[in-house]
């Protein structure tokens, strides 16, 4: 086994080890609304569940030289955002929405996606997604970097409304094969769901 001290490496070198090791990573496609009313959208693969009581999810949004990205700034300013599960049907548009645009331009419009009204928050979702979650911002935690220049904002969202395509839902469960989720690997690589197997949990 190689023994590597992360403090002896550059940020980029540590980044490559992390994104190459922690795979596959689900992709949160997040919409947020600026105070000027511009609908922003961007994909994030630093994404996970926090708790089910109440339902919460977390997204780590990296900063650029200490400056918050539109998603973080909008979520903090408005207190809300929408998380969509990425799948095969619109992954090309999700990738296009990763284009770096100025705050006054919408990635939703650029990618040709369809905004749809939310039920409990002001931030619109995306109609192309088969699962979306309306979230209120529970906490935004600056992390990493230095005291004056954090490297990321950890956004914790409390899910206040689920939208799930009827074709995916059966007796409280989601059909993973029908969802066709797409996950992130390293570089420009993605993965589909692949083979599934079951193992009984110990009593």
Protein backbone atom coordinates (compact mmCIF):
# COMPACT_ATOMS: atom_id res chain seq x y z
CA UNK A 1 0.00 0.00 0.00
CA UNK A 2 1.14 3.52 -0.74
CA UNK A 3 1.26 5.84 2.26
CA UNK A 4 0.48 9.43 1.31
CA UNK A 5 0.43 12.41 3.66
CA UNK A 6 -2.10 14.91 2.25
CA UNK A 7 -0.21 17.81 3.82
CA UNK A 8 2.75 16.99 1.55
CA UNK A 9 0.60 17.30 -1.58
CA UNK A 10 -1.04 20.12 -3.47
CA UNK A 11 -4.79 20.71 -3.35
CA UNK A 12 -5.05 19.38 -6.92
CA UNK A 13 -3.20 16.18 -6.04
CA UNK A 14 -5.48 15.55 -3.05
CA UNK A 15 -8.51 16.35 -5.21
CA UNK A 16 -7.52 13.67 -7.72
CA UNK A 17 -7.20 11.04 -5.00
CA UNK A 18 -10.59 11.95 -3.51
CA UNK A 19 -12.60 12.02 -6.73
CA UNK A 20 -10.91 8.86 -7.99
CA UNK A 21 -11.55 6.97 -4.73
CA UNK A 22 -14.99 8.12 -3.61
CA UNK A 23 -17.00 6.69 -6.50
CA UNK A 24 -19.63 6.57 -7.79
CA UNK A 25 -20.97 9.88 -6.49
CA UNK A 26 -24.63 10.86 -7.00
CA UNK A 27 -25.11 14.20 -8.73
CA UNK A 28 -27.39 16.86 -7.28
CA UNK A 29 -28.64 19.21 -9.96
CA UNK A 30 -29.49 22.33 -7.98
CA UNK A 31 -31.61 25.31 -8.92
CA UNK A 32 -31.47 28.54 -6.95
CA UNK A 33 -32.93 31.99 -7.44
CA UNK A 34 -30.97 35.23 -7.21
CA UNK A 35 -32.41 38.28 -5.47
CA UNK A 36 -32.72 39.77 -8.98
CA UNK A 37 -34.91 36.84 -10.07
CA UNK A 38 -32.37 34.95 -12.22
CA UNK A 39 -32.82 31.16 -12.09
CA UNK A 40 -29.42 29.51 -11.62
CA UNK A 41 -28.69 25.80 -12.10
CA UNK A 42 -25.56 23.73 -11.52
CA UNK A 43 -24.57 20.09 -10.87
CA UNK A 44 -22.75 19.01 -7.69
CA UNK A 45 -21.33 15.58 -6.94
CA UNK A 46 -20.34 16.38 -3.35
CA UNK A 47 -23.87 15.41 -2.30
CA UNK A 48 -25.46 13.14 0.31
CA UNK A 49 -28.31 12.48 2.76
CA UNK A 50 -27.96 14.00 6.23
CA UNK A 51 -30.97 12.62 8.09
CA UNK A 52 -34.57 11.51 7.53
CA UNK A 53 -35.90 13.17 10.70
CA UNK A 54 -36.66 15.66 9.24
CA UNK A 55 -35.46 14.83 5.73
CA UNK A 56 -32.26 16.74 5.00
CA UNK A 57 -29.64 16.66 2.26
CA UNK A 58 -26.20 18.25 2.04
CA UNK A 59 -24.30 19.72 -0.89
CA UNK A 60 -20.74 20.99 -0.71
CA UNK A 61 -20.30 23.94 -3.06
CA UNK A 62 -16.65 24.76 -3.68
CA UNK A 63 -15.60 28.40 -3.72
CA UNK A 64 -13.30 29.96 -6.29
CA UNK A 65 -10.45 31.80 -4.56
CA UNK A 66 -12.71 32.29 -1.54
CA UNK A 67 -15.62 33.71 -3.55
CA UNK A 68 -19.00 32.01 -3.22
CA UNK A 69 -20.58 30.46 -6.32
CA UNK A 70 -24.04 31.56 -7.43
CA UNK A 71 -25.70 28.51 -5.83
CA UNK A 72 -24.33 29.27 -2.36
CA UNK A 73 -24.94 32.98 -2.57
CA UNK A 74 -28.51 32.53 -3.82
CA UNK A 75 -29.35 29.85 -1.25
CA UNK A 76 -28.05 32.03 1.57
CA UNK A 77 -29.79 35.16 0.25
CA UNK A 78 -33.20 33.53 -0.34
CA UNK A 79 -33.09 30.61 2.11
CA UNK A 80 -34.17 27.99 -0.43
CA UNK A 81 -33.10 25.80 -3.36
CA UNK A 82 -34.29 22.74 -5.29
CA UNK A 83 -32.32 19.50 -5.58
CA UNK A 84 -32.94 17.30 -8.63
CA UNK A 85 -31.68 13.75 -9.09
CA UNK A 86 -29.61 13.48 -12.25
CA UNK A 87 -30.52 10.74 -14.69
CA UNK A 88 -29.80 9.53 -18.21
CA UNK A 89 -32.68 11.40 -19.82
CA UNK A 90 -31.19 14.88 -19.33
CA UNK A 91 -27.54 14.38 -18.37
CA UNK A 92 -26.32 16.25 -21.49
CA UNK A 93 -28.31 19.32 -20.43
CA UNK A 94 -27.00 18.99 -16.87
CA UNK A 95 -23.46 18.96 -18.22
CA UNK A 96 -24.18 22.04 -20.33
CA UNK A 97 -25.51 23.83 -17.24
CA UNK A 98 -22.05 23.44 -15.66
CA UNK A 99 -20.89 26.25 -17.98
CA UNK A 100 -19.51 29.19 -15.99
CA UNK A 101 -21.91 32.07 -16.60
CA UNK A 102 -22.13 35.49 -14.94
CA UNK A 103 -24.82 35.78 -12.23
CA UNK A 104 -27.20 37.70 -14.48
CA UNK A 105 -27.41 34.81 -17.00
CA UNK A 106 -29.41 31.60 -16.48
CA UNK A 107 -27.92 28.15 -17.04
CA UNK A 108 -31.49 26.85 -17.25
CA UNK A 109 -32.09 28.93 -20.39
CA UNK A 110 -28.66 28.04 -21.80
CA UNK A 111 -29.32 24.29 -21.46
CA UNK A 112 -32.86 24.54 -22.82
CA UNK A 113 -34.43 23.20 -19.63
CA UNK A 114 -38.02 23.87 -18.56
CA UNK A 115 -38.67 25.76 -15.28
CA UNK A 116 -41.61 24.54 -13.22
CA UNK A 117 -43.15 26.22 -10.16
CA UNK A 118 -42.47 24.80 -6.71
CA UNK A 119 -45.22 24.25 -4.15
CA UNK A 120 -43.68 25.52 -0.91
CA UNK A 121 -40.75 27.71 -1.97
CA UNK A 122 -40.23 30.49 -4.51
CA UNK A 123 -37.39 28.73 -6.35
CA UNK A 124 -38.58 26.94 -9.52
CA UNK A 125 -37.55 23.40 -10.28
CA UNK A 126 -36.80 21.68 -13.58
CA UNK A 127 -39.56 19.75 -15.36
CA UNK A 128 -37.12 17.32 -17.03
CA UNK A 129 -36.16 15.74 -13.68
CA UNK A 130 -38.17 12.74 -12.49
CA UNK A 131 -37.29 13.46 -8.85
CA UNK A 132 -36.92 16.89 -7.29
CA UNK A 133 -36.86 18.09 -3.70
CA UNK A 134 -37.84 21.56 -2.55
CA UNK A 135 -35.44 22.58 0.22
CA UNK A 136 -35.27 25.30 2.83
CA UNK A 137 -31.72 26.20 3.83
CA UNK A 138 -31.12 24.74 7.29
CA UNK A 139 -27.48 25.78 7.58
CA UNK A 140 -24.68 27.11 5.39
CA UNK A 141 -21.31 26.23 6.89
CA UNK A 142 -18.06 27.71 5.48
CA UNK A 143 -15.35 25.03 5.59
CA UNK A 144 -11.73 24.44 4.62
CA UNK A 145 -9.23 26.89 3.24
CA UNK A 146 -8.07 29.46 5.77
CA UNK A 147 -9.94 31.48 8.39
CA UNK A 148 -10.37 34.41 6.05
CA UNK A 149 -10.82 32.41 2.84
CA UNK A 150 -12.96 29.25 3.17
CA UNK A 151 -12.69 26.64 0.41
CA UNK A 152 -16.33 25.58 0.37
CA UNK A 153 -19.84 26.16 1.66
CA UNK A 154 -21.66 23.12 3.03
CA UNK A 155 -25.34 23.73 2.31
CA UNK A 156 -27.72 21.67 4.42
CA UNK A 157 -31.24 21.71 3.04
CA UNK A 158 -34.42 20.57 4.78
CA UNK A 159 -36.70 18.90 2.26
CA UNK A 160 -40.17 20.41 2.54
CA UNK A 161 -41.70 18.86 -0.57
CA UNK A 162 -40.91 15.85 -2.78
CA UNK A 163 -41.87 15.60 -6.46
CA UNK A 164 -41.57 12.04 -7.82
CA UNK A 165 -42.68 10.70 -11.20
CA UNK A 166 -45.48 8.19 -10.74
CA UNK A 167 -43.63 5.69 -12.94
CA UNK A 168 -40.85 5.47 -10.31
CA UNK A 169 -42.99 5.14 -7.19
CA UNK A 170 -44.44 1.93 -5.76
CA UNK A 171 -45.53 1.33 -2.15
CA UNK A 172 -43.22 4.02 -0.79
CA UNK A 173 -40.18 2.85 -2.74
CA UNK A 174 -38.30 4.25 -5.74
CA UNK A 175 -37.61 1.96 -8.71
CA UNK A 176 -33.87 2.45 -9.28
CA UNK A 177 -33.89 0.83 -12.73
CA UNK A 178 -36.67 3.13 -13.91
CA UNK A 179 -34.94 6.18 -12.42
CA UNK A 180 -31.80 5.53 -14.52
CA UNK A 181 -29.56 7.62 -12.22
CA UNK A 182 -26.21 8.90 -13.43
CA UNK A 183 -23.24 9.18 -11.09
CA UNK A 184 -19.92 11.00 -11.27
CA UNK A 185 -16.52 9.37 -11.49
CA UNK A 186 -13.21 11.19 -12.05
CA UNK A 187 -12.35 13.54 -14.91
CA UNK A 188 -15.04 13.56 -17.60
CA UNK A 189 -16.29 10.08 -16.69
CA UNK A 190 -19.79 9.17 -15.54
CA UNK A 191 -21.47 5.87 -14.67
CA UNK A 192 -24.92 4.36 -15.05
CA UNK A 193 -26.57 2.21 -12.41
CA UNK A 194 -25.10 -1.12 -13.49
CA UNK A 195 -25.66 -4.52 -11.89
CA UNK A 196 -27.51 -4.69 -8.58
CA UNK A 197 -27.24 -7.32 -5.86
CA UNK A 198 -28.66 -7.83 -2.37
CA UNK A 199 -27.04 -8.95 0.89
CA UNK A 200 -29.09 -9.65 4.02
CA UNK A 201 -28.11 -7.40 6.90
CA UNK A 202 -27.04 -9.16 10.13
CA UNK A 203 -29.59 -9.35 12.93
